[in-house]
Amino acid sequence: MNYLKQLSIYQLITTFLLALYFLGIWQFGFQKVFYQFIIAVVATTAAGAILDYIELKRWVLPKTPFITGCIIGLVGQFGETFLVLSAIGICSMLIKFFIKLDGRHIFNPAASGLLIGMLLFKSYPAWWIGGVGPWIFLIWIPLFLYKMKRWAPIVGFLVPTLILSGFNSLVSPSLLFFSSVMLIEPKTSPAPTRLGLIYGLIVAMVYLYSPYIIPGLDPLVAGLLIGNLGGRLLGKVIV
């Protein structure tokens, strides 16, 4: 546990995401997975580094753009073209840097880029990470909660999801990845417990009912982005 305490949250998440790619290589083959990884990560990281320089007037290690690129590669359409994957990554960084409220990011960068991919390129998330199996999340989620202790959004999302769509959801790698990586992204999810529960509930309700209200969009991506905005606005009145 001492080693775990010394790891930063960025190092922990990066290690987990790279482990998922390794498992993907074992299942789908090196060429397919490496292609997906390298394009999404290089485009997103490069765009993030350039925008960081424009904003800060100095070069910084692009840790969060690298993580965003990893997520886009794991979630995006498997085997998408170079141009589309690159555009999704670049758009994710543009939204991160230029759409803010009170000087803070509003929307999850990876989800933002994936939304642009759907709207402009008809590139729908494949959530191919769901093919790696749920067992790795039995290791990841306890480690992450021990390190970050941001359990409220996960509970707020999973409880209504399990009740309304069945307990089989609990073994869905896609849902486990979404709830334990994207939902609790530190800069766009609320930290206070009560607000975190409400935020998770908003995301769950949009996820469950958006196919009937806004068909044509991935329900997890739509739920997360609406939850990001709702959580930020409610954060002004709820502590």
C-alpha atoms as a PDB file:
ATOM      1  CA  MET A   1       0.000   0.000   0.000  1.00  0.00           C
ATOM      2  CA  ASN A   2       2.954   2.342   0.525  1.00  0.00           C
ATOM      3  CA  TYR A   3       3.788   2.056  -3.172  1.00  0.00           C
ATOM      4  CA  LEU A   4       0.170   2.829  -4.062  1.00  0.00           C
ATOM      5  CA  LYS A   5       0.225   5.929  -1.862  1.00  0.00           C
ATOM      6  CA  GLN A   6       3.279   7.200  -3.719  1.00  0.00           C
ATOM      7  CA  LEU A   7       1.593   6.899  -7.125  1.00  0.00           C
ATOM      8  CA  SER A   8      -0.182   9.978  -8.432  1.00  0.00           C
ATOM      9  CA  ILE A   9      -3.728   9.563  -9.720  1.00  0.00           C
ATOM     10  CA  TYR A  10      -2.407  10.211 -13.238  1.00  0.00           C
ATOM     11  CA  GLN A  11       0.144   7.410 -12.933  1.00  0.00           C
ATOM     12  CA  LEU A  12      -2.500   5.023 -11.600  1.00  0.00           C
ATOM     13  CA  ILE A  13      -5.009   5.742 -14.360  1.00  0.00           C
ATOM     14  CA  THR A  14      -2.327   5.637 -17.061  1.00  0.00           C
ATOM     15  CA  THR A  15      -1.123   2.244 -15.847  1.00  0.00           C
ATOM     16  CA  PHE A  16      -4.672   0.888 -15.909  1.00  0.00           C
ATOM     17  CA  LEU A  17      -5.441   2.221 -19.393  1.00  0.00           C
ATOM     18  CA  LEU A  18      -2.224   0.774 -20.809  1.00  0.00           C
ATOM     19  CA  ALA A  19      -3.077  -2.552 -19.173  1.00  0.00           C
ATOM     20  CA  LEU A  20      -6.403  -2.502 -21.027  1.00  0.00           C
ATOM     21  CA  TYR A  21      -4.579  -1.965 -24.309  1.00  0.00           C
ATOM     22  CA  PHE A  22      -2.291  -4.883 -23.489  1.00  0.00           C
ATOM     23  CA  LEU A  23      -5.330  -7.091 -22.905  1.00  0.00           C
ATOM     24  CA  GLY A  24      -6.826  -5.789 -26.151  1.00  0.00           C
ATOM     25  CA  ILE A  25      -3.673  -6.803 -28.039  1.00  0.00           C
ATOM     26  CA  TRP A  26      -3.944 -10.286 -26.585  1.00  0.00           C
ATOM     27  CA  GLN A  27      -7.554 -10.554 -27.776  1.00  0.00           C
ATOM     28  CA  PHE A  28      -7.695  -8.567 -31.020  1.00  0.00           C
ATOM     29  CA  GLY A  29      -4.103  -8.585 -32.229  1.00  0.00           C
ATOM     30  CA  PHE A  30      -1.233  -6.106 -32.056  1.00  0.00           C
ATOM     31  CA  GLN A  31      -1.803  -4.327 -35.371  1.00  0.00           C
ATOM     32  CA  LYS A  32      -5.456  -3.411 -34.796  1.00  0.00           C
ATOM     33  CA  VAL A  33      -4.997  -2.248 -31.225  1.00  0.00           C
ATOM     34  CA  PHE A  34      -1.711  -0.403 -31.793  1.00  0.00           C
ATOM     35  CA  TYR A  35      -3.233   1.478 -34.756  1.00  0.00           C
ATOM     36  CA  GLN A  36      -6.170   2.517 -32.597  1.00  0.00           C
ATOM     37  CA  PHE A  37      -3.874   3.556 -29.760  1.00  0.00           C
ATOM     38  CA  ILE A  38      -1.165   5.442 -31.599  1.00  0.00           C
ATOM     39  CA  ILE A  39      -3.422   7.653 -33.716  1.00  0.00           C
ATOM     40  CA  ALA A  40      -5.767   8.679 -30.900  1.00  0.00           C
ATOM     41  CA  VAL A  41      -2.963   9.244 -28.398  1.00  0.00           C
ATOM     42  CA  VAL A  42      -0.552  11.132 -30.679  1.00  0.00           C
ATOM     43  CA  ALA A  43      -3.239  13.464 -32.081  1.00  0.00           C
ATOM     44  CA  THR A  44      -4.774  14.211 -28.694  1.00  0.00           C
ATOM     45  CA  THR A  45      -1.468  14.605 -26.853  1.00  0.00           C
ATOM     46  CA  ALA A  46       0.017  16.861 -29.530  1.00  0.00           C
ATOM     47  CA  ALA A  47      -3.075  19.071 -29.607  1.00  0.00           C
ATOM     48  CA  GLY A  48      -3.132  19.275 -25.813  1.00  0.00           C
ATOM     49  CA  ALA A  49       0.570  20.159 -25.622  1.00  0.00           C
ATOM     50  CA  ILE A  50       0.189  22.949 -28.194  1.00  0.00           C
ATOM     51  CA  LEU A  51      -2.887  24.411 -26.483  1.00  0.00           C
ATOM     52  CA  ASP A  52      -1.137  24.179 -23.108  1.00  0.00           C
ATOM     53  CA  TYR A  53       1.741  26.174 -24.559  1.00  0.00           C
ATOM     54  CA  ILE A  54      -0.607  28.798 -25.984  1.00  0.00           C
ATOM     55  CA  GLU A  55      -2.323  29.169 -22.606  1.00  0.00           C
ATOM     56  CA  LEU A  56       0.691  28.903 -20.270  1.00  0.00           C
ATOM     57  CA  LYS A  57       3.473  30.220 -22.551  1.00  0.00           C
ATOM     58  CA  ARG A  58       5.626  27.217 -21.630  1.00  0.00           C
ATOM     59  CA  TRP A  59       5.822  23.542 -22.489  1.00  0.00           C
ATOM     60  CA  VAL A  60       4.398  21.149 -19.898  1.00  0.00           C
ATOM     61  CA  LEU A  61       4.134  17.373 -19.809  1.00  0.00           C
ATOM     62  CA  PRO A  62       0.711  16.637 -21.384  1.00  0.00           C
ATOM     63  CA  LYS A  63      -0.497  14.078 -18.827  1.00  0.00           C
ATOM     64  CA  THR A  64      -4.243  14.639 -19.141  1.00  0.00           C
ATOM     65  CA  PRO A  65      -4.218  14.845 -22.972  1.00  0.00           C
ATOM     66  CA  PHE A  66      -2.381  11.498 -23.027  1.00  0.00           C
ATOM     67  CA  ILE A  67      -5.048   9.955 -20.785  1.00  0.00           C
ATOM     68  CA  THR A  68      -7.820  11.473 -22.922  1.00  0.00           C
ATOM     69  CA  GLY A  69      -6.222  10.012 -26.052  1.00  0.00           C
ATOM     70  CA  CYS A  70      -6.030   6.587 -24.402  1.00  0.00           C
ATOM     71  CA  ILE A  71      -9.733   6.741 -23.532  1.00  0.00           C
ATOM     72  CA  ILE A  72     -10.721   7.825 -27.046  1.00  0.00           C
ATOM     73  CA  GLY A  73      -8.766   4.919 -28.479  1.00  0.00           C
ATOM     74  CA  LEU A  74     -10.425   2.439 -26.109  1.00  0.00           C
ATOM     75  CA  VAL A  75     -13.956   3.728 -26.706  1.00  0.00           C
ATOM     76  CA  GLY A  76     -13.944   5.020 -30.291  1.00  0.00           C
ATOM     77  CA  GLN A  77     -15.003   3.111 -33.359  1.00  0.00           C
ATOM     78  CA  PHE A  78     -12.607   0.196 -33.786  1.00  0.00           C
ATOM     79  CA  GLY A  79     -10.616   0.542 -36.988  1.00  0.00           C
ATOM     80  CA  GLU A  80     -11.693   4.138 -37.645  1.00  0.00           C
ATOM     81  CA  THR A  81      -9.743   6.132 -40.210  1.00  0.00           C
ATOM     82  CA  PHE A  82      -6.654   8.146 -39.361  1.00  0.00           C
ATOM     83  CA  LEU A  83      -8.361  11.466 -40.103  1.00  0.00           C
ATOM     84  CA  VAL A  84     -11.458  10.783 -38.029  1.00  0.00           C
ATOM     85  CA  LEU A  85      -9.582   9.478 -34.985  1.00  0.00           C
ATOM     86  CA  SER A  86      -7.236  12.449 -35.183  1.00  0.00           C
ATOM     87  CA  ALA A  87     -10.137  14.901 -35.516  1.00  0.00           C
ATOM     88  CA  ILE A  88     -11.881  13.395 -32.478  1.00  0.00           C
ATOM     89  CA  GLY A  89      -8.721  13.787 -30.405  1.00  0.00           C
ATOM     90  CA  ILE A  90      -8.052  17.358 -31.537  1.00  0.00           C
ATOM     91  CA  CYS A  91     -11.679  18.405 -30.977  1.00  0.00           C
ATOM     92  CA  SER A  92     -11.585  16.959 -27.465  1.00  0.00           C
ATOM     93  CA  MET A  93      -8.706  19.284 -26.615  1.00  0.00           C
ATOM     94  CA  LEU A  94     -10.293  22.329 -28.276  1.00  0.00           C
ATOM     95  CA  ILE A  95     -13.448  21.852 -26.212  1.00  0.00           C
ATOM     96  CA  LYS A  96     -11.409  21.317 -23.053  1.00  0.00           C
ATOM     97  CA  PHE A  97      -9.478  24.549 -23.479  1.00  0.00           C
ATOM     98  CA  PHE A  98     -12.118  26.867 -24.914  1.00  0.00           C
ATOM     99  CA  ILE A  99     -15.419  25.852 -23.299  1.00  0.00           C
ATOM    100  CA  LYS A 100     -15.259  26.758 -19.623  1.00  0.00           C
ATOM    101  CA  LEU A 101     -17.463  28.067 -16.827  1.00  0.00           C
ATOM    102  CA  ASP A 102     -15.923  30.282 -14.148  1.00  0.00           C
ATOM    103  CA  GLY A 103     -12.520  29.410 -15.551  1.00  0.00           C
ATOM    104  CA  ARG A 104     -13.011  25.656 -15.099  1.00  0.00           C
ATOM    105  CA  HIS A 105     -13.566  22.883 -17.620  1.00  0.00           C
ATOM    106  CA  ILE A 106     -17.195  21.798 -18.011  1.00  0.00           C
ATOM    107  CA  PHE A 107     -17.260  18.757 -20.238  1.00  0.00           C
ATOM    108  CA  ASN A 108     -15.340  15.495 -20.113  1.00  0.00           C
ATOM    109  CA  PRO A 109     -12.778  15.910 -22.928  1.00  0.00           C
ATOM    110  CA  ALA A 110     -12.969  12.356 -24.288  1.00  0.00           C
ATOM    111  CA  ALA A 111     -16.782  12.378 -24.333  1.00  0.00           C
ATOM    112  CA  SER A 112     -16.742  15.797 -26.030  1.00  0.00           C
ATOM    113  CA  GLY A 113     -14.513  14.549 -28.822  1.00  0.00           C
ATOM    114  CA  LEU A 114     -16.610  11.408 -29.237  1.00  0.00           C
ATOM    115  CA  LEU A 115     -19.744  13.560 -29.549  1.00  0.00           C
ATOM    116  CA  ILE A 116     -18.113  15.570 -32.343  1.00  0.00           C
ATOM    117  CA  GLY A 117     -17.189  12.291 -34.002  1.00  0.00           C
ATOM    118  CA  MET A 118     -20.835  11.223 -33.977  1.00  0.00           C
ATOM    119  CA  LEU A 119     -22.207  14.553 -35.183  1.00  0.00           C
ATOM    120  CA  LEU A 120     -19.675  15.354 -37.899  1.00  0.00           C
ATOM    121  CA  PHE A 121     -18.334  11.989 -39.026  1.00  0.00           C
ATOM    122  CA  LYS A 122     -21.037   9.475 -38.074  1.00  0.00           C
ATOM    123  CA  SER A 123     -18.361   7.702 -36.048  1.00  0.00           C
ATOM    124  CA  TYR A 124     -20.128   6.018 -33.147  1.00  0.00           C
ATOM    125  CA  PRO A 125     -18.307   4.733 -30.065  1.00  0.00           C
ATOM    126  CA  ALA A 126     -17.718   1.003 -30.198  1.00  0.00           C
ATOM    127  CA  TRP A 127     -16.778   0.536 -26.517  1.00  0.00           C
ATOM    128  CA  TRP A 128     -14.586  -2.300 -27.733  1.00  0.00           C
ATOM    129  CA  ILE A 129     -12.933  -2.316 -24.342  1.00  0.00           C
ATOM    130  CA  GLY A 130     -16.009  -4.290 -23.319  1.00  0.00           C
ATOM    131  CA  GLY A 131     -14.374  -7.309 -24.916  1.00  0.00           C
ATOM    132  CA  VAL A 132     -11.602  -7.601 -22.351  1.00  0.00           C
ATOM    133  CA  GLY A 133     -13.841  -9.095 -19.644  1.00  0.00           C
ATOM    134  CA  PRO A 134     -15.031  -7.687 -16.312  1.00  0.00           C
ATOM    135  CA  TRP A 135     -12.479  -9.339 -14.023  1.00  0.00           C
ATOM    136  CA  ILE A 136      -9.845  -6.598 -14.301  1.00  0.00           C
ATOM    137  CA  PHE A 137     -12.317  -4.102 -12.847  1.00  0.00           C
ATOM    138  CA  LEU A 138     -12.493  -6.166  -9.664  1.00  0.00           C
ATOM    139  CA  ILE A 139      -8.871  -5.107  -9.177  1.00  0.00           C
ATOM    140  CA  TRP A 140      -9.089  -1.590 -10.599  1.00  0.00           C
ATOM    141  CA  ILE A 141     -12.157  -0.192  -8.842  1.00  0.00           C
ATOM    142  CA  PRO A 142     -11.051  -0.948  -5.249  1.00  0.00           C
ATOM    143  CA  LEU A 143      -7.574   0.446  -6.000  1.00  0.00           C
ATOM    144  CA  PHE A 144      -9.009   3.590  -7.534  1.00  0.00           C
ATOM    145  CA  LEU A 145     -11.501   4.186  -4.730  1.00  0.00           C
ATOM    146  CA  TYR A 146      -8.745   3.667  -2.167  1.00  0.00           C
ATOM    147  CA  LYS A 147      -6.626   6.258  -3.942  1.00  0.00           C
ATOM    148  CA  MET A 148      -9.247   8.840  -4.900  1.00  0.00           C
ATOM    149  CA  LYS A 149     -12.272   8.063  -2.701  1.00  0.00           C
ATOM    150  CA  ARG A 150     -14.691   9.489  -5.273  1.00  0.00           C
ATOM    151  CA  TRP A 151     -17.357   6.802  -4.835  1.00  0.00           C
ATOM    152  CA  ALA A 152     -20.512   8.955  -4.878  1.00  0.00           C
ATOM    153  CA  PRO A 153     -20.847   9.417  -8.681  1.00  0.00           C
ATOM    154  CA  ILE A 154     -20.309   5.684  -9.221  1.00  0.00           C
ATOM    155  CA  VAL A 155     -23.027   4.791  -6.708  1.00  0.00           C
ATOM    156  CA  GLY A 156     -25.362   7.473  -8.075  1.00  0.00           C
ATOM    157  CA  PHE A 157     -24.947   6.042 -11.566  1.00  0.00           C
ATOM    158  CA  LEU A 158     -24.877   2.299 -10.944  1.00  0.00           C
ATOM    159  CA  VAL A 159     -27.733   1.944  -8.447  1.00  0.00           C
ATOM    160  CA  PRO A 160     -30.521   3.274 -10.719  1.00  0.00           C
ATOM    161  CA  THR A 161     -28.910   1.588 -13.726  1.00  0.00           C
ATOM    162  CA  LEU A 162     -28.937  -1.787 -11.993  1.00  0.00           C
ATOM    163  CA  ILE A 163     -32.502  -1.325 -10.757  1.00  0.00           C
ATOM    164  CA  LEU A 164     -33.930  -0.236 -14.108  1.00  0.00           C
ATOM    165  CA  SER A 165     -31.868  -2.294 -16.547  1.00  0.00           C
ATOM    166  CA  GLY A 166     -31.006  -5.388 -14.524  1.00  0.00           C
ATOM    167  CA  PHE A 167     -28.116  -6.618 -12.442  1.00  0.00           C
ATOM    168  CA  ASN A 168     -26.363  -8.034 -15.492  1.00  0.00           C
ATOM    169  CA  SER A 169     -25.163  -4.461 -15.970  1.00  0.00           C
ATOM    170  CA  LEU A 170     -22.819  -5.032 -13.061  1.00  0.00           C
ATOM    171  CA  VAL A 171     -20.707  -7.394 -15.161  1.00  0.00           C
ATOM    172  CA  SER A 172     -20.695  -5.203 -18.277  1.00  0.00           C
ATOM    173  CA  PRO A 173     -17.061  -4.147 -18.895  1.00  0.00           C
ATOM    174  CA  SER A 174     -18.270  -1.127 -20.889  1.00  0.00           C
ATOM    175  CA  LEU A 175     -20.376   0.181 -18.007  1.00  0.00           C
ATOM    176  CA  LEU A 176     -17.661  -0.594 -15.468  1.00  0.00           C
ATOM    177  CA  PHE A 177     -15.094   1.244 -17.577  1.00  0.00           C
ATOM    178  CA  PHE A 178     -17.411   4.199 -18.049  1.00  0.00           C
ATOM    179  CA  SER A 179     -18.339   4.491 -14.379  1.00  0.00           C
ATOM    180  CA  SER A 180     -14.839   3.963 -12.972  1.00  0.00           C
ATOM    181  CA  VAL A 181     -12.838   6.023 -15.498  1.00  0.00           C
ATOM    182  CA  MET A 182     -14.892   8.547 -17.471  1.00  0.00           C
ATOM    183  CA  LEU A 183     -17.681   9.319 -14.998  1.00  0.00           C
ATOM    184  CA  ILE A 184     -15.312  10.311 -12.210  1.00  0.00           C
ATOM    185  CA  GLU A 185     -12.788  12.312 -14.272  1.00  0.00           C
ATOM    186  CA  PRO A 186     -11.430  14.656 -11.575  1.00  0.00           C
ATOM    187  CA  LYS A 187     -11.823  18.027 -13.302  1.00  0.00           C
ATOM    188  CA  THR A 188     -15.350  17.552 -14.673  1.00  0.00           C
ATOM    189  CA  SER A 189     -17.056  15.525 -11.928  1.00  0.00           C
ATOM    190  CA  PRO A 190     -18.090  16.968  -8.541  1.00  0.00           C
ATOM    191  CA  ALA A 191     -16.140  16.043  -5.422  1.00  0.00           C
ATOM    192  CA  PRO A 192     -18.782  16.705  -2.679  1.00  0.00           C
ATOM    193  CA  THR A 193     -20.662  13.520  -1.797  1.00  0.00           C
ATOM    194  CA  ARG A 194     -24.218  14.809  -2.098  1.00  0.00           C
ATOM    195  CA  LEU A 195     -23.555  16.576  -5.390  1.00  0.00           C
ATOM    196  CA  GLY A 196     -21.697  13.515  -6.658  1.00  0.00           C
ATOM    197  CA  LEU A 197     -24.707  11.298  -6.005  1.00  0.00           C
ATOM    198  CA  ILE A 198     -27.011  13.715  -7.850  1.00  0.00           C
ATOM    199  CA  TYR A 199     -24.540  13.987 -10.720  1.00  0.00           C
ATOM    200  CA  GLY A 200     -24.362  10.204 -11.041  1.00  0.00           C
ATOM    201  CA  LEU A 201     -28.157   9.995 -10.984  1.00  0.00           C
ATOM    202  CA  ILE A 202     -28.461  12.586 -13.773  1.00  0.00           C
ATOM    203  CA  VAL A 203     -26.013  10.648 -15.934  1.00  0.00           C
ATOM    204  CA  ALA A 204     -27.886   7.396 -15.263  1.00  0.00           C
ATOM    205  CA  MET A 205     -31.295   8.847 -16.162  1.00  0.00           C
ATOM    206  CA  VAL A 206     -30.020  10.342 -19.406  1.00  0.00           C
ATOM    207  CA  TYR A 207     -28.210   7.098 -20.235  1.00  0.00           C
ATOM    208  CA  LEU A 208     -31.356   5.042 -19.660  1.00  0.00           C
ATOM    209  CA  TYR A 209     -33.836   7.309 -21.448  1.00  0.00           C
ATOM    210  CA  SER A 210     -31.835   9.238 -24.067  1.00  0.00           C
ATOM    211  CA  PRO A 211     -32.406   6.559 -26.751  1.00  0.00           C
ATOM    212  CA  TYR A 212     -36.085   7.579 -26.631  1.00  0.00           C
ATOM    213  CA  ILE A 213     -35.450  11.334 -26.419  1.00  0.00           C
ATOM    214  CA  ILE A 214     -32.308  11.939 -28.483  1.00  0.00           C
ATOM    215  CA  PRO A 215     -31.887   8.840 -30.658  1.00  0.00           C
ATOM    216  CA  GLY A 216     -28.773   8.628 -32.752  1.00  0.00           C
ATOM    217  CA  LEU A 217     -26.352   9.543 -29.970  1.00  0.00           C
ATOM    218  CA  ASP A 218     -24.450   7.136 -27.790  1.00  0.00           C
ATOM    219  CA  PRO A 219     -26.414   7.148 -24.490  1.00  0.00           C
ATOM    220  CA  LEU A 220     -23.346   6.948 -22.239  1.00  0.00           C
ATOM    221  CA  VAL A 221     -21.657   9.874 -23.979  1.00  0.00           C
ATOM    222  CA  ALA A 222     -24.874  11.922 -23.968  1.00  0.00           C
ATOM    223  CA  GLY A 223     -25.507  11.114 -20.324  1.00  0.00           C
ATOM    224  CA  LEU A 224     -22.016  12.088 -19.265  1.00  0.00           C
ATOM    225  CA  LEU A 225     -21.998  15.434 -21.063  1.00  0.00           C
ATOM    226  CA  ILE A 226     -25.431  16.425 -19.773  1.00  0.00           C
ATOM    227  CA  GLY A 227     -24.385  15.281 -16.314  1.00  0.00           C
ATOM    228  CA  ASN A 228     -21.216  17.400 -16.555  1.00  0.00           C
ATOM    229  CA  LEU A 229     -23.264  20.501 -17.272  1.00  0.00           C
ATOM    230  CA  GLY A 230     -25.957  19.681 -14.719  1.00  0.00           C
ATOM    231  CA  GLY A 231     -23.419  18.928 -12.016  1.00  0.00           C
ATOM    232  CA  ARG A 232     -21.566  22.177 -12.641  1.00  0.00           C
ATOM    233  CA  LEU A 233     -24.751  24.268 -12.533  1.00  0.00           C
ATOM    234  CA  LEU A 234     -26.083  22.501  -9.436  1.00  0.00           C
ATOM    235  CA  GLY A 235     -22.714  23.008  -7.800  1.00  0.00           C
ATOM    236  CA  LYS A 236     -23.576  26.677  -7.510  1.00  0.00           C
ATOM    237  CA  VAL A 237     -26.465  25.912  -5.142  1.00  0.00           C
ATOM    238  CA  ILE A 238     -25.597  22.513  -3.620  1.00  0.00           C
ATOM    239  CA  VAL A 239     -22.536  21.848  -1.491  1.00  0.00           C
END
